[in-house]
């Protein structure tokens, strides 16, 4: 698999649901509906839109954030795409 695709849905109750998927290719539907699309082969953020607003496409920042929630999946994606996982810098966010 090459891509990690995250989509956020706002429910009528106001709660937000998150759906995560991995794929070999990005479909036109994904480009329209997904909130975040990460390309693990080229290590780039293809799309990053949260609540209708475009956010900075900073690979390291986004990967560090989602690594906490999807560690096993992201490690597999790095390995499958021939990249070494480099999370030491992002883990050392403790100011002390």
PDB file of N, CA and C in Angstrom:
ATOM      1  N   UNK A   1       0.835  -1.175   0.000  1.00  0.00           N
ATOM      2  CA  UNK A   1       0.000   0.000   0.000  1.00  0.00           C
ATOM      3  C   UNK A   1       0.884   1.245   0.000  1.00  0.00           C
ATOM      4  N   UNK A   2       0.357   2.288  -0.597  1.00  0.00           N
ATOM      5  CA  UNK A   2       1.152   3.505  -0.754  1.00  0.00           C
ATOM      6  C   UNK A   2       0.556   4.712  -0.019  1.00  0.00           C
ATOM      7  N   UNK A   3      -0.754   4.817   0.020  1.00  0.00           N
ATOM      8  CA  UNK A   3      -1.404   6.013   0.551  1.00  0.00           C
ATOM      9  C   UNK A   3      -2.161   5.733   1.843  1.00  0.00           C
ATOM     10  N   UNK A   4      -2.142   6.728   2.722  1.00  0.00           N
ATOM     11  CA  UNK A   4      -2.985   6.718   3.915  1.00  0.00           C
ATOM     12  C   UNK A   4      -3.992   7.850   3.723  1.00  0.00           C
ATOM     13  N   UNK A   5      -5.274   7.500   3.797  1.00  0.00           N
ATOM     14  CA  UNK A   5      -6.336   8.453   3.502  1.00  0.00           C
ATOM     15  C   UNK A   5      -7.218   8.589   4.735  1.00  0.00           C
ATOM     16  N   UNK A   6      -7.343   9.810   5.222  1.00  0.00           N
ATOM     17  CA  UNK A   6      -8.176  10.086   6.390  1.00  0.00           C
ATOM     18  C   UNK A   6      -9.316  11.010   5.983  1.00  0.00           C
ATOM     19  N   UNK A   7     -10.517  10.632   6.397  1.00  0.00           N
ATOM     20  CA  UNK A   7     -11.701  11.416   6.071  1.00  0.00           C
ATOM     21  C   UNK A   7     -12.467  11.696   7.355  1.00  0.00           C
ATOM     22  N   UNK A   8     -12.868  12.935   7.532  1.00  0.00           N
ATOM     23  CA  UNK A   8     -13.645  13.338   8.703  1.00  0.00           C
ATOM     24  C   UNK A   8     -15.074  13.642   8.277  1.00  0.00           C
ATOM     25  N   UNK A   9     -16.032  13.127   9.066  1.00  0.00           N
ATOM     26  CA  UNK A   9     -17.444  13.345   8.814  1.00  0.00           C
ATOM     27  C   UNK A   9     -18.058  14.010  10.044  1.00  0.00           C
ATOM     28  N   UNK A  10     -18.831  15.050   9.812  1.00  0.00           N
ATOM     29  CA  UNK A  10     -19.525  15.709  10.910  1.00  0.00           C
ATOM     30  C   UNK A  10     -20.936  15.142  10.986  1.00  0.00           C
ATOM     31  N   UNK A  11     -21.301  14.611  12.126  1.00  0.00           N
ATOM     32  CA  UNK A  11     -22.634  14.052  12.337  1.00  0.00           C
ATOM     33  C   UNK A  11     -23.639  15.154  12.664  1.00  0.00           C
ATOM     34  N   UNK A  12     -24.894  14.817  12.575  1.00  0.00           N
ATOM     35  CA  UNK A  12     -25.956  15.778  12.902  1.00  0.00           C
ATOM     36  C   UNK A  12     -25.876  16.204  14.364  1.00  0.00           C
ATOM     37  N   UNK A  13     -25.377  15.320  15.216  1.00  0.00           N
ATOM     38  CA  UNK A  13     -25.254  15.631  16.642  1.00  0.00           C
ATOM     39  C   UNK A  13     -24.087  16.576  16.928  1.00  0.00           C
ATOM     40  N   UNK A  14     -23.265  16.843  15.904  1.00  0.00           N
ATOM     41  CA  UNK A  14     -22.120  17.729  16.094  1.00  0.00           C
ATOM     42  C   UNK A  14     -20.810  16.984  16.302  1.00  0.00           C
ATOM     43  N   UNK A  15     -20.895  15.685  16.554  1.00  0.00           N
ATOM     44  CA  UNK A  15     -19.683  14.886  16.740  1.00  0.00           C
ATOM     45  C   UNK A  15     -19.005  14.650  15.397  1.00  0.00           C
ATOM     46  N   UNK A  16     -17.692  14.442  15.457  1.00  0.00           N
ATOM     47  CA  UNK A  16     -16.918  14.213  14.241  1.00  0.00           C
ATOM     48  C   UNK A  16     -16.393  12.780  14.238  1.00  0.00           C
ATOM     49  N   UNK A  17     -16.635  12.074  13.147  1.00  0.00           N
ATOM     50  CA  UNK A  17     -16.123  10.717  12.962  1.00  0.00           C
ATOM     51  C   UNK A  17     -14.922  10.759  12.036  1.00  0.00           C
ATOM     52  N   UNK A  18     -13.966   9.865  12.306  1.00  0.00           N
ATOM     53  CA  UNK A  18     -12.765   9.768  11.478  1.00  0.00           C
ATOM     54  C   UNK A  18     -12.715   8.380  10.856  1.00  0.00           C
ATOM     55  N   UNK A  19     -12.441   8.336   9.551  1.00  0.00           N
ATOM     56  CA  UNK A  19     -12.285   7.068   8.849  1.00  0.00           C
ATOM     57  C   UNK A  19     -10.907   7.057   8.228  1.00  0.00           C
ATOM     58  N   UNK A  20     -10.145   5.987   8.504  1.00  0.00           N
ATOM     59  CA  UNK A  20      -8.801   5.856   7.957  1.00  0.00           C
ATOM     60  C   UNK A  20      -8.782   4.664   7.016  1.00  0.00           C
ATOM     61  N   UNK A  21      -8.121   4.841   5.872  1.00  0.00           N
ATOM     62  CA  UNK A  21      -7.980   3.757   4.906  1.00  0.00           C
ATOM     63  C   UNK A  21      -6.593   3.837   4.286  1.00  0.00           C
ATOM     64  N   UNK A  22      -6.112   2.694   3.803  1.00  0.00           N
ATOM     65  CA  UNK A  22      -4.865   2.665   3.040  1.00  0.00           C
ATOM     66  C   UNK A  22      -5.202   2.159   1.640  1.00  0.00           C
ATOM     67  N   UNK A  23      -4.455   2.648   0.653  1.00  0.00           N
ATOM     68  CA  UNK A  23      -4.767   2.292  -0.727  1.00  0.00           C
ATOM     69  C   UNK A  23      -3.508   2.306  -1.581  1.00  0.00           C
ATOM     70  N   UNK A  24      -3.570   1.589  -2.699  1.00  0.00           N
ATOM     71  CA  UNK A  24      -2.466   1.589  -3.656  1.00  0.00           C
ATOM     72  C   UNK A  24      -2.510   2.805  -4.576  1.00  0.00           C
ATOM     73  N   UNK A  25      -3.713   3.357  -4.766  1.00  0.00           N
ATOM     74  CA  UNK A  25      -3.842   4.546  -5.610  1.00  0.00           C
ATOM     75  C   UNK A  25      -4.938   5.435  -5.040  1.00  0.00           C
ATOM     76  N   UNK A  26      -4.880   6.710  -5.408  1.00  0.00           N
ATOM     77  CA  UNK A  26      -5.882   7.674  -4.960  1.00  0.00           C
ATOM     78  C   UNK A  26      -6.938   7.809  -6.049  1.00  0.00           C
ATOM     79  N   UNK A  27      -8.167   7.584  -5.684  1.00  0.00           N
ATOM     80  CA  UNK A  27      -9.278   7.702  -6.627  1.00  0.00           C
ATOM     81  C   UNK A  27      -9.770   9.150  -6.664  1.00  0.00           C
ATOM     82  N   UNK A  28     -10.411   9.537  -7.762  1.00  0.00           N
ATOM     83  CA  UNK A  28     -10.973  10.903  -7.827  1.00  0.00           C
ATOM     84  C   UNK A  28     -11.904  11.205  -6.649  1.00  0.00           C
ATOM     85  N   UNK A  29     -12.651  10.208  -6.206  1.00  0.00           N
ATOM     86  CA  UNK A  29     -13.551  10.387  -5.062  1.00  0.00           C
ATOM     87  C   UNK A  29     -12.744  10.744  -3.806  1.00  0.00           C
ATOM     88  N   UNK A  30     -11.589  10.090  -3.619  1.00  0.00           N
ATOM     89  CA  UNK A  30     -10.744  10.376  -2.465  1.00  0.00           C
ATOM     90  C   UNK A  30     -10.259  11.822  -2.489  1.00  0.00           C
ATOM     91  N   UNK A  31      -9.878  12.299  -3.663  1.00  0.00           N
ATOM     92  CA  UNK A  31      -9.410  13.683  -3.784  1.00  0.00           C
ATOM     93  C   UNK A  31     -10.508  14.677  -3.425  1.00  0.00           C
ATOM     94  N   UNK A  32     -11.749  14.305  -3.664  1.00  0.00           N
ATOM     95  CA  UNK A  32     -12.865  15.202  -3.372  1.00  0.00           C
ATOM     96  C   UNK A  32     -13.311  15.125  -1.921  1.00  0.00           C
ATOM     97  N   UNK A  33     -13.343  13.926  -1.349  1.00  0.00           N
ATOM     98  CA  UNK A  33     -13.950  13.761  -0.021  1.00  0.00           C
ATOM     99  C   UNK A  33     -12.959  13.642   1.129  1.00  0.00           C
ATOM    100  N   UNK A  34     -11.747  13.186   0.875  1.00  0.00           N
ATOM    101  CA  UNK A  34     -10.784  12.971   1.957  1.00  0.00           C
ATOM    102  C   UNK A  34     -10.309  14.293   2.556  1.00  0.00           C
ATOM    103  N   UNK A  35      -9.981  14.239   3.824  1.00  0.00           N
ATOM    104  CA  UNK A  35      -9.434  15.411   4.506  1.00  0.00           C
ATOM    105  C   UNK A  35      -7.917  15.435   4.403  1.00  0.00           C
ATOM    106  N   UNK A  36      -7.309  14.265   4.560  1.00  0.00           N
ATOM    107  CA  UNK A  36      -5.846  14.165   4.535  1.00  0.00           C
ATOM    108  C   UNK A  36      -5.446  12.967   3.682  1.00  0.00           C
ATOM    109  N   UNK A  37      -4.496  13.185   2.772  1.00  0.00           N
ATOM    110  CA  UNK A  37      -3.957  12.100   1.956  1.00  0.00           C
ATOM    111  C   UNK A  37      -2.437  12.158   2.060  1.00  0.00           C
ATOM    112  N   UNK A  38      -1.852  11.073   2.569  1.00  0.00           N
ATOM    113  CA  UNK A  38      -0.402  10.973   2.732  1.00  0.00           C
ATOM    114  C   UNK A  38       0.152   9.960   1.734  1.00  0.00           C
ATOM    115  N   UNK A  39       1.176  10.344   0.999  1.00  0.00           N
ATOM    116  CA  UNK A  39       1.843   9.467   0.038  1.00  0.00           C
ATOM    117  C   UNK A  39       3.126   8.966   0.687  1.00  0.00           C
ATOM    118  N   UNK A  40       3.157   7.695   1.058  1.00  0.00           N
ATOM    119  CA  UNK A  40       4.306   7.144   1.768  1.00  0.00           C
ATOM    120  C   UNK A  40       5.460   6.772   0.847  1.00  0.00           C
ATOM    121  N   UNK A  41       5.239   6.647  -0.432  1.00  0.00           N
ATOM    122  CA  UNK A  41       6.351   6.372  -1.349  1.00  0.00           C
ATOM    123  C   UNK A  41       7.188   7.630  -1.569  1.00  0.00           C
ATOM    124  N   UNK A  42       6.517   8.743  -1.870  1.00  0.00           N
ATOM    125  CA  UNK A  42       7.224   9.997  -2.116  1.00  0.00           C
ATOM    126  C   UNK A  42       7.355  10.857  -0.865  1.00  0.00           C
ATOM    127  N   UNK A  43       6.739  10.428   0.227  1.00  0.00           N
ATOM    128  CA  UNK A  43       6.728  11.127   1.506  1.00  0.00           C
ATOM    129  C   UNK A  43       6.284  12.577   1.351  1.00  0.00           C
ATOM    130  N   UNK A  44       5.094  12.748   0.803  1.00  0.00           N
ATOM    131  CA  UNK A  44       4.497  14.067   0.649  1.00  0.00           C
ATOM    132  C   UNK A  44       3.035  14.023   1.106  1.00  0.00           C
ATOM    133  N   UNK A  45       2.536  15.180   1.479  1.00  0.00           N
ATOM    134  CA  UNK A  45       1.131  15.333   1.831  1.00  0.00           C
ATOM    135  C   UNK A  45       0.422  15.833   0.580  1.00  0.00           C
ATOM    136  N   UNK A  46      -0.460  15.020   0.033  1.00  0.00           N
ATOM    137  CA  UNK A  46      -1.178  15.409  -1.173  1.00  0.00           C
ATOM    138  C   UNK A  46      -2.341  16.339  -0.877  1.00  0.00           C
ATOM    139  N   UNK A  47      -2.949  16.146   0.276  1.00  0.00           N
ATOM    140  CA  UNK A  47      -4.091  16.977   0.649  1.00  0.00           C
ATOM    141  C   UNK A  47      -4.154  17.090   2.159  1.00  0.00           C
ATOM    142  N   UNK A  48      -4.468  18.285   2.645  1.00  0.00           N
ATOM    143  CA  UNK A  48      -4.645  18.502   4.082  1.00  0.00           C
ATOM    144  C   UNK A  48      -5.668  19.618   4.268  1.00  0.00           C
ATOM    145  N   UNK A  49      -6.922  19.231   4.412  1.00  0.00           N
ATOM    146  CA  UNK A  49      -8.015  20.177   4.592  1.00  0.00           C
ATOM    147  C   UNK A  49      -8.788  19.755   5.837  1.00  0.00           C
ATOM    148  N   UNK A  50      -8.807  20.635   6.825  1.00  0.00           N
ATOM    149  CA  UNK A  50      -9.522  20.351   8.063  1.00  0.00           C
ATOM    150  C   UNK A  50     -10.638  21.380   8.214  1.00  0.00           C
ATOM    151  N   UNK A  51     -11.856  20.895   8.373  1.00  0.00           N
ATOM    152  CA  UNK A  51     -13.032  21.744   8.547  1.00  0.00           C
ATOM    153  C   UNK A  51     -13.170  22.773   7.428  1.00  0.00           C
ATOM    154  N   UNK A  52     -12.858  22.325   6.204  1.00  0.00           N
ATOM    155  CA  UNK A  52     -13.002  23.177   5.035  1.00  0.00           C
ATOM    156  C   UNK A  52     -11.868  24.162   4.806  1.00  0.00           C
ATOM    157  N   UNK A  53     -10.860  24.143   5.670  1.00  0.00           N
ATOM    158  CA  UNK A  53      -9.742  25.078   5.549  1.00  0.00           C
ATOM    159  C   UNK A  53      -8.467  24.317   5.197  1.00  0.00           C
ATOM    160  N   UNK A  54      -7.742  24.806   4.204  1.00  0.00           N
ATOM    161  CA  UNK A  54      -6.483  24.185   3.805  1.00  0.00           C
ATOM    162  C   UNK A  54      -5.425  24.452   4.870  1.00  0.00           C
ATOM    163  N   UNK A  55      -4.745  23.402   5.285  1.00  0.00           N
ATOM    164  CA  UNK A  55      -3.726  23.499   6.328  1.00  0.00           C
ATOM    165  C   UNK A  55      -2.343  23.305   5.704  1.00  0.00           C
ATOM    166  N   UNK A  56      -1.275  23.692   6.416  1.00  0.00           N
ATOM    167  CA  UNK A  56       0.082  23.485   5.881  1.00  0.00           C
ATOM    168  C   UNK A  56       0.348  22.000   5.628  1.00  0.00           C
ATOM    169  N   UNK A  57       0.997  21.709   4.512  1.00  0.00           N
ATOM    170  CA  UNK A  57       1.279  20.328   4.123  1.00  0.00           C
ATOM    171  C   UNK A  57       2.689  19.946   4.569  1.00  0.00           C
ATOM    172  N   UNK A  58       2.910  19.922   5.872  1.00  0.00           N
ATOM    173  CA  UNK A  58       4.219  19.599   6.437  1.00  0.00           C
ATOM    174  C   UNK A  58       4.259  18.116   6.803  1.00  0.00           C
ATOM    175  N   UNK A  59       4.976  17.337   6.008  1.00  0.00           N
ATOM    176  CA  UNK A  59       5.039  15.891   6.161  1.00  0.00           C
ATOM    177  C   UNK A  59       5.398  15.473   7.586  1.00  0.00           C
ATOM    178  N   UNK A  60       6.504  15.976   8.115  1.00  0.00           N
ATOM    179  CA  UNK A  60       6.981  15.545   9.429  1.00  0.00           C
ATOM    180  C   UNK A  60       5.972  15.829  10.535  1.00  0.00           C
ATOM    181  N   UNK A  61       5.350  16.988  10.502  1.00  0.00           N
ATOM    182  CA  UNK A  61       4.377  17.360  11.526  1.00  0.00           C
ATOM    183  C   UNK A  61       3.144  16.467  11.475  1.00  0.00           C
ATOM    184  N   UNK A  62       2.624  16.246  10.293  1.00  0.00           N
ATOM    185  CA  UNK A  62       1.415  15.435  10.143  1.00  0.00           C
ATOM    186  C   UNK A  62       1.687  13.975  10.483  1.00  0.00           C
ATOM    187  N   UNK A  63       2.814  13.453  10.025  1.00  0.00           N
ATOM    188  CA  UNK A  63       3.166  12.060  10.329  1.00  0.00           C
ATOM    189  C   UNK A  63       3.366  11.877  11.831  1.00  0.00           C
ATOM    190  N   UNK A  64       4.032  12.818  12.487  1.00  0.00           N
ATOM    191  CA  UNK A  64       4.253  12.715  13.935  1.00  0.00           C
ATOM    192  C   UNK A  64       2.924  12.709  14.691  1.00  0.00           C
ATOM    193  N   UNK A  65       1.974  13.518  14.263  1.00  0.00           N
ATOM    194  CA  UNK A  65       0.672  13.566  14.930  1.00  0.00           C
ATOM    195  C   UNK A  65      -0.089  12.244  14.758  1.00  0.00           C
ATOM    196  N   UNK A  66      -0.212  11.770  13.543  1.00  0.00           N
ATOM    197  CA  UNK A  66      -1.002  10.559  13.297  1.00  0.00           C
ATOM    198  C   UNK A  66      -0.280   9.279  13.715  1.00  0.00           C
ATOM    199  N   UNK A  67       1.030   9.328  13.867  1.00  0.00           N
ATOM    200  CA  UNK A  67       1.785   8.157  14.321  1.00  0.00           C
ATOM    201  C   UNK A  67       1.296   7.718  15.704  1.00  0.00           C
ATOM    202  N   UNK A  68       0.920   8.650  16.541  1.00  0.00           N
ATOM    203  CA  UNK A  68       0.426   8.330  17.883  1.00  0.00           C
ATOM    204  C   UNK A  68      -0.852   7.492  17.811  1.00  0.00           C
ATOM    205  N   UNK A  69      -1.639   7.698  16.767  1.00  0.00           N
ATOM    206  CA  UNK A  69      -2.937   7.035  16.652  1.00  0.00           C
ATOM    207  C   UNK A  69      -2.915   5.795  15.754  1.00  0.00           C
ATOM    208  N   UNK A  70      -2.013   5.785  14.780  1.00  0.00           N
ATOM    209  CA  UNK A  70      -1.969   4.699  13.786  1.00  0.00           C
ATOM    210  C   UNK A  70      -0.553   4.142  13.639  1.00  0.00           C
ATOM    211  N   UNK A  71       0.095   3.876  14.746  1.00  0.00           N
ATOM    212  CA  UNK A  71       1.498   3.473  14.750  1.00  0.00           C
ATOM    213  C   UNK A  71       1.769   2.242  13.895  1.00  0.00           C
ATOM    214  N   UNK A  72       1.046   1.164  14.101  1.00  0.00           N
ATOM    215  CA  UNK A  72       1.303  -0.084  13.368  1.00  0.00           C
ATOM    216  C   UNK A  72       1.085   0.092  11.866  1.00  0.00           C
ATOM    217  N   UNK A  73       0.024   0.772  11.498  1.00  0.00           N
ATOM    218  CA  UNK A  73      -0.277   0.997  10.081  1.00  0.00           C
ATOM    219  C   UNK A  73       0.805   1.835   9.423  1.00  0.00           C
ATOM    220  N   UNK A  74       1.227   2.892  10.089  1.00  0.00           N
ATOM    221  CA  UNK A  74       2.237   3.779   9.513  1.00  0.00           C
ATOM    222  C   UNK A  74       3.595   3.089   9.411  1.00  0.00           C
ATOM    223  N   UNK A  75       3.952   2.288  10.400  1.00  0.00           N
ATOM    224  CA  UNK A  75       5.216   1.544  10.330  1.00  0.00           C
ATOM    225  C   UNK A  75       5.195   0.595   9.132  1.00  0.00           C
ATOM    226  N   UNK A  76       4.060  -0.056   8.906  1.00  0.00           N
ATOM    227  CA  UNK A  76       3.930  -0.953   7.755  1.00  0.00           C
ATOM    228  C   UNK A  76       4.043  -0.183   6.444  1.00  0.00           C
ATOM    229  N   UNK A  77       3.414   0.987   6.358  1.00  0.00           N
ATOM    230  CA  UNK A  77       3.476   1.791   5.139  1.00  0.00           C
ATOM    231  C   UNK A  77       4.901   2.269   4.852  1.00  0.00           C
ATOM    232  N   UNK A  78       5.616   2.692   5.881  1.00  0.00           N
ATOM    233  CA  UNK A  78       7.019   3.092   5.689  1.00  0.00           C
ATOM    234  C   UNK A  78       7.834   1.918   5.159  1.00  0.00           C
ATOM    235  N   UNK A  79       7.674   0.756   5.793  1.00  0.00           N
ATOM    236  CA  UNK A  79       8.446  -0.425   5.405  1.00  0.00           C
ATOM    237  C   UNK A  79       8.110  -0.877   3.983  1.00  0.00           C
ATOM    238  N   UNK A  80       6.822  -0.940   3.653  1.00  0.00           N
ATOM    239  CA  UNK A  80       6.401  -1.383   2.322  1.00  0.00           C
ATOM    240  C   UNK A  80       6.891  -0.466   1.210  1.00  0.00           C
ATOM    241  N   UNK A  81       7.110   0.806   1.536  1.00  0.00           N
ATOM    242  CA  UNK A  81       7.533   1.774   0.530  1.00  0.00           C
ATOM    243  C   UNK A  81       9.034   2.050   0.582  1.00  0.00           C
ATOM    244  N   UNK A  82       9.774   1.212   1.313  1.00  0.00           N
ATOM    245  CA  UNK A  82      11.228   1.275   1.311  1.00  0.00           C
ATOM    246  C   UNK A  82      11.833   2.438   2.072  1.00  0.00           C
ATOM    247  N   UNK A  83      11.121   2.933   3.086  1.00  0.00           N
ATOM    248  CA  UNK A  83      11.642   4.047   3.874  1.00  0.00           C
ATOM    249  C   UNK A  83      11.853   3.610   5.308  1.00  0.00           C
ATOM    250  N   UNK A  84      12.842   4.214   5.909  1.00  0.00           N
ATOM    251  CA  UNK A  84      13.124   3.967   7.310  1.00  0.00           C
ATOM    252  C   UNK A  84      12.274   4.914   8.141  1.00  0.00           C
ATOM    253  N   UNK A  85      11.750   4.422   9.235  1.00  0.00           N
ATOM    254  CA  UNK A  85      10.936   5.248  10.113  1.00  0.00           C
ATOM    255  C   UNK A  85      11.849   6.122  10.962  1.00  0.00           C
ATOM    256  N   UNK A  86      11.670   7.444  10.892  1.00  0.00           N
ATOM    257  CA  UNK A  86      12.492   8.390  11.647  1.00  0.00           C
ATOM    258  C   UNK A  86      11.584   9.208  12.550  1.00  0.00           C
ATOM    259  N   UNK A  87      11.276   8.678  13.726  1.00  0.00           N
ATOM    260  CA  UNK A  87      10.367   9.377  14.634  1.00  0.00           C
ATOM    261  C   UNK A  87      11.080   9.958  15.852  1.00  0.00           C
ATOM    262  N   UNK A  88      12.397   9.845  15.952  1.00  0.00           N
ATOM    263  CA  UNK A  88      13.118  10.333  17.124  1.00  0.00           C
ATOM    264  C   UNK A  88      12.918  11.829  17.334  1.00  0.00           C
ATOM    265  N   UNK A  89      13.002  12.614  16.253  1.00  0.00           N
ATOM    266  CA  UNK A  89      12.870  14.062  16.368  1.00  0.00           C
ATOM    267  C   UNK A  89      11.489  14.450  16.873  1.00  0.00           C
ATOM    268  N   UNK A  90      10.466  13.783  16.375  1.00  0.00           N
ATOM    269  CA  UNK A  90       9.099  14.152  16.751  1.00  0.00           C
ATOM    270  C   UNK A  90       8.759  13.673  18.159  1.00  0.00           C
ATOM    271  N   UNK A  91       9.423  12.641  18.632  1.00  0.00           N
ATOM    272  CA  UNK A  91       9.153  12.149  19.985  1.00  0.00           C
ATOM    273  C   UNK A  91       9.760  13.048  21.038  1.00  0.00           C
ATOM    274  N   UNK A  92      10.796  13.790  20.690  1.00  0.00           N
ATOM    275  CA  UNK A  92      11.490  14.616  21.679  1.00  0.00           C
ATOM    276  C   UNK A  92      10.862  16.002  21.749  1.00  0.00           C
ATOM    277  N   UNK A  93       9.531  16.042  21.965  1.00  0.00           N
ATOM    278  CA  UNK A  93       8.832  17.313  22.060  1.00  0.00           C
ATOM    279  C   UNK A  93       8.690  17.772  23.513  1.00  0.00           C
ATOM    280  N   UNK A  94       9.242  17.017  24.461  1.00  0.00           N
ATOM    281  CA  UNK A  94       9.194  17.374  25.864  1.00  0.00           C
ATOM    282  C   UNK A  94      10.152  18.534  26.114  1.00  0.00           C
ATOM    283  N   UNK A  95       9.650  19.701  26.580  1.00  0.00           N
ATOM    284  CA  UNK A  95      10.507  20.867  26.751  1.00  0.00           C
ATOM    285  C   UNK A  95      11.484  20.766  27.921  1.00  0.00           C
ATOM    286  N   UNK A  96      11.347  19.787  28.808  1.00  0.00           N
ATOM    287  CA  UNK A  96      12.237  19.693  29.976  1.00  0.00           C
ATOM    288  C   UNK A  96      13.543  18.995  29.685  1.00  0.00           C
TER     289      UNK A  96
END
